[in-house]
Each structure stands twice: as structure tokens, then as C-alpha cells.
Amino acid sequence: MTSDQRIRYVNPDNMPTPFGYSHVVEVRNGRTVYVSGQVALTKEGELVGKGDLRLQTKQVFENIKSALEAVGSNFNDVVKLTFFLTDISKMQNVRDIRDEYINTMNPPASSAVEVRKLIRDELLIEIEAIAVADL
């Protein structure tokens, strides 16, 4: 079953035009993959990009990519992203990096939340993902 048959992206005409995300993602068939919130740490637990949101975001997406690949999936299967940022005004920087990874023609449903603090003081972003892969 192709991704187009498994997943349908919908933006109803009676809702505001979305900017870089889909209002509705319908999953018709597939195996659900949940990726825990990822932060800008390497395999060794070292911080990438202290004070640099772009570098941290790149590392986070690389971590998500590794998690997806570990179960035979990829970013084309991602149907939902949730972003947690310590400064939501920098969301465009995050979108610029995100667009290097996701299918921008059919972007996943998304939520973005500003938080006061993440698990470590030097972390600026955390992202979790939900994907739907072939059975």
C-alpha cells in the first residue's frame, strides 16, 4: 500500500489556511510509530549547539531520523509533530530546518508550544513525532 493510500492530508475549506502543516491527517491503514520527545544530544549524551536553536533543531531532527530508521520508517511516514520551544518567536528557524526533512507538499499535522524550561537548562527545543509505517 502506498503512502497516498495509507495517509490522507486534508485542509477543509471552512478552516484557516495552514502555514507549513496540515489540519487533518487521516490514517487508513498502517503501523503506528511513536517517537519520544527528542532533544539536541548526541549518542554520547553531549549537547549539540549550546545557545544555537538552528544547530539544536538539526540534531533533534537527526535523532528523530535515527529513531524512525530503527523501525524501518522515515519522515515520509510522519503524520504528527509536536514542538516544544523555550522561545516560540524563533519558530521560523525551526520550520526552515524541519522543511529539510519532511514532505512539504503534504506536511504533518503539528502543534507548537512555548515552555519555560526543558529537561536541561541549555536545551532550547524538544520535538516528538508520530509516524504511520507499512504493516
Protein backbone atom coordinates (compact mmCIF):
# COMPACT_ATOMS: atom_id res chain seq x y z
CA MET A 1 0.00 0.00 0.00
CA THR A 2 1.48 3.38 -0.94
CA SER A 3 1.69 6.33 1.40
CA ASP A 4 -1.05 8.03 -0.63
CA GLN A 5 -3.40 5.11 0.06
CA ARG A 6 -2.44 4.86 3.73
CA ILE A 7 -2.46 8.51 4.65
CA ARG A 8 -4.70 11.36 3.53
CA TYR A 9 -3.90 15.04 4.23
CA VAL A 10 -6.94 17.32 4.49
CA ASN A 11 -7.28 21.08 4.88
CA PRO A 12 -11.01 21.87 4.96
CA ASP A 13 -12.13 24.94 3.01
CA ASN A 14 -14.01 26.28 6.04
CA MET A 15 -10.85 26.43 8.20
CA PRO A 16 -7.96 28.93 8.08
CA THR A 17 -5.26 28.19 5.52
CA PRO A 18 -2.47 26.34 7.35
CA PHE A 19 1.12 27.56 7.16
CA GLY A 20 3.50 24.61 6.96
CA TYR A 21 1.26 21.96 8.47
CA SER A 22 -1.94 20.04 7.70
CA HIS A 23 -5.13 20.50 9.72
CA VAL A 24 -6.10 16.84 9.43
CA VAL A 25 -4.13 13.70 8.69
CA GLU A 26 -6.26 10.62 8.25
CA VAL A 27 -4.56 7.25 8.64
CA ARG A 28 -6.39 4.47 6.87
CA ASN A 29 -4.04 1.57 7.40
CA GLY A 30 -0.60 1.09 8.89
CA ARG A 31 1.53 0.52 11.92
CA THR A 32 1.78 3.47 14.33
CA VAL A 33 5.22 4.57 15.48
CA TYR A 34 5.59 6.94 18.43
CA VAL A 35 8.91 8.75 18.83
CA SER A 36 9.51 10.22 22.27
CA GLY A 37 10.48 13.85 22.55
CA GLN A 38 13.97 14.25 21.16
CA VAL A 39 16.49 16.87 22.24
CA ALA A 40 19.86 18.04 20.91
CA LEU A 41 22.01 15.33 22.46
CA THR A 42 24.42 13.04 20.64
CA LYS A 43 24.59 9.29 21.13
CA GLU A 44 27.18 10.00 23.83
CA GLY A 45 24.79 12.38 25.61
CA GLU A 46 26.69 15.52 24.62
CA LEU A 47 24.81 18.74 23.83
CA VAL A 48 24.94 19.99 20.25
CA GLY A 49 24.62 23.73 19.60
CA LYS A 50 24.74 25.39 23.00
CA GLY A 51 22.74 28.63 22.60
CA ASP A 52 22.08 27.91 18.88
CA LEU A 53 18.49 26.92 18.09
CA ARG A 54 19.27 26.04 14.46
CA LEU A 55 22.04 23.60 15.40
CA GLN A 56 19.92 22.10 18.17
CA THR A 57 16.96 21.69 15.81
CA LYS A 58 19.17 19.96 13.22
CA GLN A 59 20.39 17.49 15.86
CA VAL A 60 16.84 16.84 17.05
CA PHE A 61 15.71 16.01 13.50
CA GLU A 62 18.74 13.75 13.05
CA ASN A 63 17.77 11.92 16.26
CA ILE A 64 14.19 11.53 15.02
CA LYS A 65 15.51 10.27 11.68
CA SER A 66 17.60 7.63 13.50
CA ALA A 67 14.61 6.58 15.61
CA LEU A 68 12.41 6.21 12.53
CA GLU A 69 15.06 4.27 10.61
CA ALA A 70 15.45 1.89 13.58
CA VAL A 71 11.91 0.63 12.88
CA GLY A 72 12.07 0.74 9.08
CA SER A 73 10.37 4.11 8.76
CA ASN A 74 11.26 7.61 7.54
CA PHE A 75 10.00 11.20 7.51
CA ASN A 76 7.54 10.45 4.68
CA ASP A 77 5.64 8.39 7.27
CA VAL A 78 5.43 11.18 9.88
CA VAL A 79 1.83 12.30 10.40
CA LYS A 80 2.24 14.48 13.53
CA LEU A 81 4.99 16.62 15.05
CA THR A 82 4.84 18.40 18.37
CA PHE A 83 7.36 21.16 19.04
CA PHE A 84 8.33 22.46 22.48
CA LEU A 85 10.41 25.65 22.35
CA THR A 86 11.73 27.92 25.03
CA ASP A 87 11.20 30.87 22.64
CA ILE A 88 8.25 30.42 20.24
CA SER A 89 9.20 33.63 18.39
CA LYS A 90 12.02 31.60 16.80
CA MET A 91 9.63 29.08 15.21
CA GLN A 92 10.57 30.14 11.66
CA ASN A 93 14.14 28.95 12.32
CA VAL A 94 12.70 25.59 13.32
CA ARG A 95 10.46 25.44 10.23
CA ASP A 96 13.43 26.13 7.96
CA ILE A 97 15.27 23.09 9.34
CA ARG A 98 12.09 20.98 9.50
CA ASP A 99 11.47 21.57 5.80
CA GLU A 100 14.79 19.85 5.01
CA TYR A 101 13.31 16.63 6.44
CA ILE A 102 9.55 16.49 5.92
CA ASN A 103 7.42 16.25 2.80
CA THR A 104 6.48 19.91 2.43
CA MET A 105 3.80 19.08 -0.16
CA ASN A 106 1.92 17.08 2.49
CA PRO A 107 3.23 18.34 5.82
CA PRO A 108 2.27 16.53 9.01
CA ALA A 109 -0.26 17.83 11.49
CA SER A 110 1.67 19.90 14.01
CA SER A 111 1.50 21.68 17.33
CA ALA A 112 3.98 24.15 18.79
CA VAL A 113 4.14 25.11 22.45
CA GLU A 114 6.36 27.59 24.26
CA VAL A 115 7.69 26.16 27.50
CA ARG A 116 9.55 27.86 30.31
CA LYS A 117 12.19 25.16 30.50
CA LEU A 118 13.11 21.72 29.17
CA ILE A 119 14.78 18.81 30.99
CA ARG A 120 18.19 20.56 30.89
CA ASP A 121 18.67 24.33 31.11
CA GLU A 122 20.77 24.56 27.92
CA LEU A 123 18.14 22.83 25.75
CA LEU A 124 16.12 25.16 23.52
CA ILE A 125 13.86 22.67 21.73
CA GLU A 126 12.28 19.24 22.01
CA ILE A 127 10.28 17.54 19.26
CA GLU A 128 8.15 14.39 19.35
CA ALA A 129 6.82 12.56 16.32
CA ILE A 130 4.11 10.11 15.33
CA ALA A 131 4.54 8.13 12.13
CA VAL A 132 2.46 5.55 10.31
CA ALA A 133 4.52 2.92 8.52
CA ASP A 134 3.61 -0.04 6.37
CA LEU A 135 2.30 -3.10 8.21
